[in-house]
PDB file of N, CA and C in Angstrom:
ATOM      1  N   MET A   1     -30.912 -26.940  53.549  1.00  0.00           N
ATOM      2  CA  MET A   1     -29.498 -26.881  53.272  1.00  0.00           C
ATOM      3  C   MET A   1     -29.019 -25.447  53.475  1.00  0.00           C
ATOM      4  N   SER A   2     -27.914 -25.291  54.175  1.00  0.00           N
ATOM      5  CA  SER A   2     -27.392 -23.948  54.410  1.00  0.00           C
ATOM      6  C   SER A   2     -26.333 -23.611  53.365  1.00  0.00           C
ATOM      7  N   ALA A   3     -26.264 -22.349  53.035  1.00  0.00           N
ATOM      8  CA  ALA A   3     -25.296 -21.885  52.041  1.00  0.00           C
ATOM      9  C   ALA A   3     -23.939 -21.688  52.701  1.00  0.00           C
ATOM     10  N   ILE A   4     -22.913 -21.993  51.972  1.00  0.00           N
ATOM     11  CA  ILE A   4     -21.557 -21.768  52.454  1.00  0.00           C
ATOM     12  C   ILE A   4     -21.196 -20.319  52.156  1.00  0.00           C
ATOM     13  N   PRO A   5     -20.742 -19.565  53.162  1.00  0.00           N
ATOM     14  CA  PRO A   5     -20.406 -18.159  52.913  1.00  0.00           C
ATOM     15  C   PRO A   5     -19.243 -18.041  51.927  1.00  0.00           C
ATOM     16  N   ALA A   6     -19.320 -17.053  51.071  1.00  0.00           N
ATOM     17  CA  ALA A   6     -18.251 -16.810  50.099  1.00  0.00           C
ATOM     18  C   ALA A   6     -16.996 -16.364  50.831  1.00  0.00           C
ATOM     19  N   GLN A   7     -15.871 -16.899  50.406  1.00  0.00           N
ATOM     20  CA  GLN A   7     -14.601 -16.555  51.025  1.00  0.00           C
ATOM     21  C   GLN A   7     -14.015 -15.345  50.310  1.00  0.00           C
ATOM     22  N   THR A   8     -13.677 -14.334  51.069  1.00  0.00           N
ATOM     23  CA  THR A   8     -13.100 -13.127  50.500  1.00  0.00           C
ATOM     24  C   THR A   8     -11.594 -13.301  50.406  1.00  0.00           C
ATOM     25  N   ARG A   9     -11.075 -13.106  49.204  1.00  0.00           N
ATOM     26  CA  ARG A   9      -9.626 -13.185  48.996  1.00  0.00           C
ATOM     27  C   ARG A   9      -9.141 -11.879  48.412  1.00  0.00           C
ATOM     28  N   THR A  10      -7.963 -11.494  48.809  1.00  0.00           N
ATOM     29  CA  THR A  10      -7.319 -10.302  48.280  1.00  0.00           C
ATOM     30  C   THR A  10      -6.105 -10.733  47.476  1.00  0.00           C
ATOM     31  N   VAL A  11      -6.008 -10.232  46.243  1.00  0.00           N
ATOM     32  CA  VAL A  11      -4.833 -10.507  45.415  1.00  0.00           C
ATOM     33  C   VAL A  11      -3.750  -9.514  45.803  1.00  0.00           C
ATOM     34  N   LEU A  12      -2.636 -10.036  46.289  1.00  0.00           N
ATOM     35  CA  LEU A  12      -1.529  -9.179  46.700  1.00  0.00           C
ATOM     36  C   LEU A  12      -0.614  -8.834  45.526  1.00  0.00           C
ATOM     37  N   GLU A  13      -0.425  -9.802  44.615  1.00  0.00           N
ATOM     38  CA  GLU A  13       0.477  -9.599  43.480  1.00  0.00           C
ATOM     39  C   GLU A  13       0.154 -10.614  42.397  1.00  0.00           C
ATOM     40  N   ARG A  14       0.480 -10.266  41.160  1.00  0.00           N
ATOM     41  CA  ARG A  14       0.256 -11.139  39.999  1.00  0.00           C
ATOM     42  C   ARG A  14       1.581 -11.368  39.287  1.00  0.00           C
ATOM     43  N   PHE A  15       1.787 -12.608  38.819  1.00  0.00           N
ATOM     44  CA  PHE A  15       3.003 -12.967  38.092  1.00  0.00           C
ATOM     45  C   PHE A  15       2.611 -13.744  36.839  1.00  0.00           C
ATOM     46  N   PRO A  16       3.191 -13.438  35.681  1.00  0.00           N
ATOM     47  CA  PRO A  16       2.837 -14.145  34.451  1.00  0.00           C
ATOM     48  C   PRO A  16       3.257 -15.617  34.517  1.00  0.00           C
ATOM     49  N   ALA A  17       2.394 -16.491  34.051  1.00  0.00           N
ATOM     50  CA  ALA A  17       2.694 -17.924  34.075  1.00  0.00           C
ATOM     51  C   ALA A  17       3.800 -18.280  33.092  1.00  0.00           C
ATOM     52  N   GLY A  18       4.024 -17.440  32.079  1.00  0.00           N
ATOM     53  CA  GLY A  18       5.048 -17.707  31.095  1.00  0.00           C
ATOM     54  C   GLY A  18       6.443 -17.281  31.513  1.00  0.00           C
ATOM     55  N   HIS A  19       6.613 -16.892  32.761  1.00  0.00           N
ATOM     56  CA  HIS A  19       7.921 -16.454  33.257  1.00  0.00           C
ATOM     57  C   HIS A  19       8.910 -17.610  33.135  1.00  0.00           C
ATOM     58  N   PRO A  20      10.155 -17.346  32.741  1.00  0.00           N
ATOM     59  CA  PRO A  20      11.155 -18.417  32.596  1.00  0.00           C
ATOM     60  C   PRO A  20      11.364 -19.246  33.873  1.00  0.00           C
ATOM     61  N   ARG A  21      11.129 -18.646  35.026  1.00  0.00           N
ATOM     62  CA  ARG A  21      11.299 -19.369  36.296  1.00  0.00           C
ATOM     63  C   ARG A  21       9.989 -19.971  36.787  1.00  0.00           C
ATOM     64  N   GLY A  22       8.951 -19.941  35.955  1.00  0.00           N
ATOM     65  CA  GLY A  22       7.666 -20.535  36.342  1.00  0.00           C
ATOM     66  C   GLY A  22       7.040 -19.807  37.514  1.00  0.00           C
ATOM     67  N   SER A  23       6.623 -20.573  38.503  1.00  0.00           N
ATOM     68  CA  SER A  23       5.933 -19.982  39.657  1.00  0.00           C
ATOM     69  C   SER A  23       6.896 -19.504  40.738  1.00  0.00           C
ATOM     70  N   TRP A  24       8.200 -19.684  40.561  1.00  0.00           N
ATOM     71  CA  TRP A  24       9.151 -19.311  41.607  1.00  0.00           C
ATOM     72  C   TRP A  24       9.019 -17.867  42.074  1.00  0.00           C
ATOM     73  N   PRO A  25       8.907 -16.881  41.186  1.00  0.00           N
ATOM     74  CA  PRO A  25       8.765 -15.504  41.694  1.00  0.00           C
ATOM     75  C   PRO A  25       7.533 -15.346  42.595  1.00  0.00           C
ATOM     76  N   ALA A  26       6.441 -15.984  42.223  1.00  0.00           N
ATOM     77  CA  ALA A  26       5.227 -15.909  43.040  1.00  0.00           C
ATOM     78  C   ALA A  26       5.439 -16.623  44.366  1.00  0.00           C
ATOM     79  N   ASP A  27       6.084 -17.782  44.322  1.00  0.00           N
ATOM     80  CA  ASP A  27       6.358 -18.525  45.553  1.00  0.00           C
ATOM     81  C   ASP A  27       7.268 -17.734  46.487  1.00  0.00           C
ATOM     82  N   GLU A  28       8.279 -17.087  45.929  1.00  0.00           N
ATOM     83  CA  GLU A  28       9.195 -16.283  46.744  1.00  0.00           C
ATOM     84  C   GLU A  28       8.476 -15.082  47.361  1.00  0.00           C
ATOM     85  N   TYR A  29       7.602 -14.438  46.577  1.00  0.00           N
ATOM     86  CA  TYR A  29       6.848 -13.294  47.095  1.00  0.00           C
ATOM     87  C   TYR A  29       5.916 -13.747  48.221  1.00  0.00           C
ATOM     88  N   ALA A  30       5.240 -14.879  48.016  1.00  0.00           N
ATOM     89  CA  ALA A  30       4.333 -15.400  49.044  1.00  0.00           C
ATOM     90  C   ALA A  30       5.107 -15.737  50.313  1.00  0.00           C
ATOM     91  N   ALA A  31       6.298 -16.329  50.164  1.00  0.00           N
ATOM     92  CA  ALA A  31       7.118 -16.660  51.336  1.00  0.00           C
ATOM     93  C   ALA A  31       7.522 -15.398  52.088  1.00  0.00           C
ATOM     94  N   ALA A  32       7.866 -14.344  51.361  1.00  0.00           N
ATOM     95  CA  ALA A  32       8.225 -13.076  52.011  1.00  0.00           C
ATOM     96  C   ALA A  32       7.031 -12.496  52.758  1.00  0.00           C
ATOM     97  N   GLN A  33       5.846 -12.607  52.183  1.00  0.00           N
ATOM     98  CA  GLN A  33       4.645 -12.113  52.857  1.00  0.00           C
ATOM     99  C   GLN A  33       4.366 -12.919  54.121  1.00  0.00           C
ATOM    100  N   ARG A  34       4.533 -14.243  54.038  1.00  0.00           N
ATOM    101  CA  ARG A  34       4.328 -15.090  55.228  1.00  0.00           C
ATOM    102  C   ARG A  34       5.343 -14.751  56.319  1.00  0.00           C
ATOM    103  N   ALA A  35       6.572 -14.424  55.929  1.00  0.00           N
ATOM    104  CA  ALA A  35       7.597 -14.046  56.907  1.00  0.00           C
ATOM    105  C   ALA A  35       7.216 -12.761  57.640  1.00  0.00           C
ATOM    106  N   GLN A  36       6.389 -11.931  56.988  1.00  0.00           N
ATOM    107  CA  GLN A  36       5.930 -10.683  57.607  1.00  0.00           C
ATOM    108  C   GLN A  36       4.599 -10.855  58.326  1.00  0.00           C
ATOM    109  N   GLY A  37       4.086 -12.098  58.368  1.00  0.00           N
ATOM    110  CA  GLY A  37       2.868 -12.373  59.122  1.00  0.00           C
ATOM    111  C   GLY A  37       1.588 -12.427  58.313  1.00  0.00           C
ATOM    112  N   THR A  38       1.663 -12.299  56.994  1.00  0.00           N
ATOM    113  CA  THR A  38       0.474 -12.370  56.151  1.00  0.00           C
ATOM    114  C   THR A  38       0.306 -13.798  55.651  1.00  0.00           C
ATOM    115  N   GLU A  39      -0.886 -14.353  55.799  1.00  0.00           N
ATOM    116  CA  GLU A  39      -1.147 -15.708  55.326  1.00  0.00           C
ATOM    117  C   GLU A  39      -1.332 -15.683  53.810  1.00  0.00           C
ATOM    118  N   ALA A  40      -0.245 -15.765  53.082  1.00  0.00           N
ATOM    119  CA  ALA A  40      -0.285 -15.673  51.625  1.00  0.00           C
ATOM    120  C   ALA A  40      -0.050 -17.046  51.005  1.00  0.00           C
ATOM    121  N   ARG A  41      -0.697 -17.271  49.858  1.00  0.00           N
ATOM    122  CA  ARG A  41      -0.475 -18.508  49.110  1.00  0.00           C
ATOM    123  C   ARG A  41      -0.570 -18.207  47.630  1.00  0.00           C
ATOM    124  N   VAL A  42      -0.077 -19.125  46.824  1.00  0.00           N
ATOM    125  CA  VAL A  42      -0.058 -18.954  45.378  1.00  0.00           C
ATOM    126  C   VAL A  42      -1.164 -19.815  44.763  1.00  0.00           C
ATOM    127  N   VAL A  43      -1.934 -19.209  43.869  1.00  0.00           N
ATOM    128  CA  VAL A  43      -2.944 -19.934  43.098  1.00  0.00           C
ATOM    129  C   VAL A  43      -2.740 -19.596  41.626  1.00  0.00           C
ATOM    130  N   MET A  44      -3.211 -20.479  40.766  1.00  0.00           N
ATOM    131  CA  MET A  44      -3.108 -20.264  39.323  1.00  0.00           C
ATOM    132  C   MET A  44      -4.453 -19.795  38.803  1.00  0.00           C
ATOM    133  N   ASP A  45      -4.466 -18.668  38.106  1.00  0.00           N
ATOM    134  CA  ASP A  45      -5.667 -18.171  37.446  1.00  0.00           C
ATOM    135  C   ASP A  45      -5.573 -18.582  35.982  1.00  0.00           C
ATOM    136  N   LEU A  46      -6.315 -19.613  35.611  1.00  0.00           N
ATOM    137  CA  LEU A  46      -6.237 -20.136  34.248  1.00  0.00           C
ATOM    138  C   LEU A  46      -6.767 -19.157  33.217  1.00  0.00           C
ATOM    139  N   ASP A  47      -7.775 -18.366  33.576  1.00  0.00           N
ATOM    140  CA  ASP A  47      -8.359 -17.410  32.626  1.00  0.00           C
ATOM    141  C   ASP A  47      -7.353 -16.348  32.199  1.00  0.00           C
ATOM    142  N   SER A  48      -6.556 -15.855  33.143  1.00  0.00           N
ATOM    143  CA  SER A  48      -5.596 -14.801  32.821  1.00  0.00           C
ATOM    144  C   SER A  48      -4.179 -15.342  32.611  1.00  0.00           C
ATOM    145  N   ASP A  49      -3.981 -16.651  32.814  1.00  0.00           N
ATOM    146  CA  ASP A  49      -2.673 -17.298  32.681  1.00  0.00           C
ATOM    147  C   ASP A  49      -1.640 -16.606  33.566  1.00  0.00           C
ATOM    148  N   GLN A  50      -2.013 -16.442  34.845  1.00  0.00           N
ATOM    149  CA  GLN A  50      -1.147 -15.795  35.817  1.00  0.00           C
ATOM    150  C   GLN A  50      -1.141 -16.577  37.123  1.00  0.00           C
ATOM    151  N   PHE A  51      -0.027 -16.470  37.844  1.00  0.00           N
ATOM    152  CA  PHE A  51       0.033 -16.944  39.219  1.00  0.00           C
ATOM    153  C   PHE A  51      -0.350 -15.761  40.095  1.00  0.00           C
ATOM    154  N   LEU A  52      -1.270 -15.984  41.016  1.00  0.00           N
ATOM    155  CA  LEU A  52      -1.718 -14.930  41.922  1.00  0.00           C
ATOM    156  C   LEU A  52      -1.265 -15.261  43.334  1.00  0.00           C
ATOM    157  N   VAL A  53      -0.752 -14.270  44.019  1.00  0.00           N
ATOM    158  CA  VAL A  53      -0.469 -14.417  45.446  1.00  0.00           C
ATOM    159  C   VAL A  53      -1.672 -13.824  46.162  1.00  0.00           C
ATOM    160  N   VAL A  54      -2.376 -14.674  46.910  1.00  0.00           N
ATOM    161  CA  VAL A  54      -3.619 -14.234  47.542  1.00  0.00           C
ATOM    162  C   VAL A  54      -3.555 -14.462  49.044  1.00  0.00           C
ATOM    163  N   THR A  55      -4.420 -13.738  49.729  1.00  0.00           N
ATOM    164  CA  THR A  55      -4.620 -13.917  51.160  1.00  0.00           C
ATOM    165  C   THR A  55      -6.118 -13.917  51.429  1.00  0.00           C
ATOM    166  N   ASN A  56      -6.535 -14.585  52.481  1.00  0.00           N
ATOM    167  CA  ASN A  56      -7.958 -14.630  52.822  1.00  0.00           C
ATOM    168  C   ASN A  56      -8.386 -13.443  53.652  1.00  0.00           C
ATOM    169  N   THR A  57      -7.467 -12.569  53.972  1.00  0.00           N
ATOM    170  CA  THR A  57      -7.805 -11.369  54.723  1.00  0.00           C
ATOM    171  C   THR A  57      -7.892 -10.186  53.769  1.00  0.00           C
ATOM    172  N   THR A  58      -8.623  -9.177  54.165  1.00  0.00           N
ATOM    173  CA  THR A  58      -8.741  -7.989  53.323  1.00  0.00           C
ATOM    174  C   THR A  58      -7.637  -7.007  53.663  1.00  0.00           C
ATOM    175  N   HIS A  59      -7.136  -6.348  52.636  1.00  0.00           N
ATOM    176  CA  HIS A  59      -6.075  -5.347  52.785  1.00  0.00           C
ATOM    177  C   HIS A  59      -6.530  -4.073  52.095  1.00  0.00           C
ATOM    178  N   PRO A  60      -6.146  -2.928  52.624  1.00  0.00           N
ATOM    179  CA  PRO A  60      -6.533  -1.663  51.984  1.00  0.00           C
ATOM    180  C   PRO A  60      -5.886  -1.477  50.633  1.00  0.00           C
TER     181      PRO A  60
END
């Protein structure tokens, strides 16, 4: 059995899950990043109770 390589993700920005607008700020930030050519998406980090905008590419 071959091992699946670990996927490297970079967190671009963090937004609190308790925000009155929910995930909208994270979704808007991710959309702006995609408009600039970065493959960004929103994921929920249950441990920290935050929405994370992540990309599968590395950034400095």
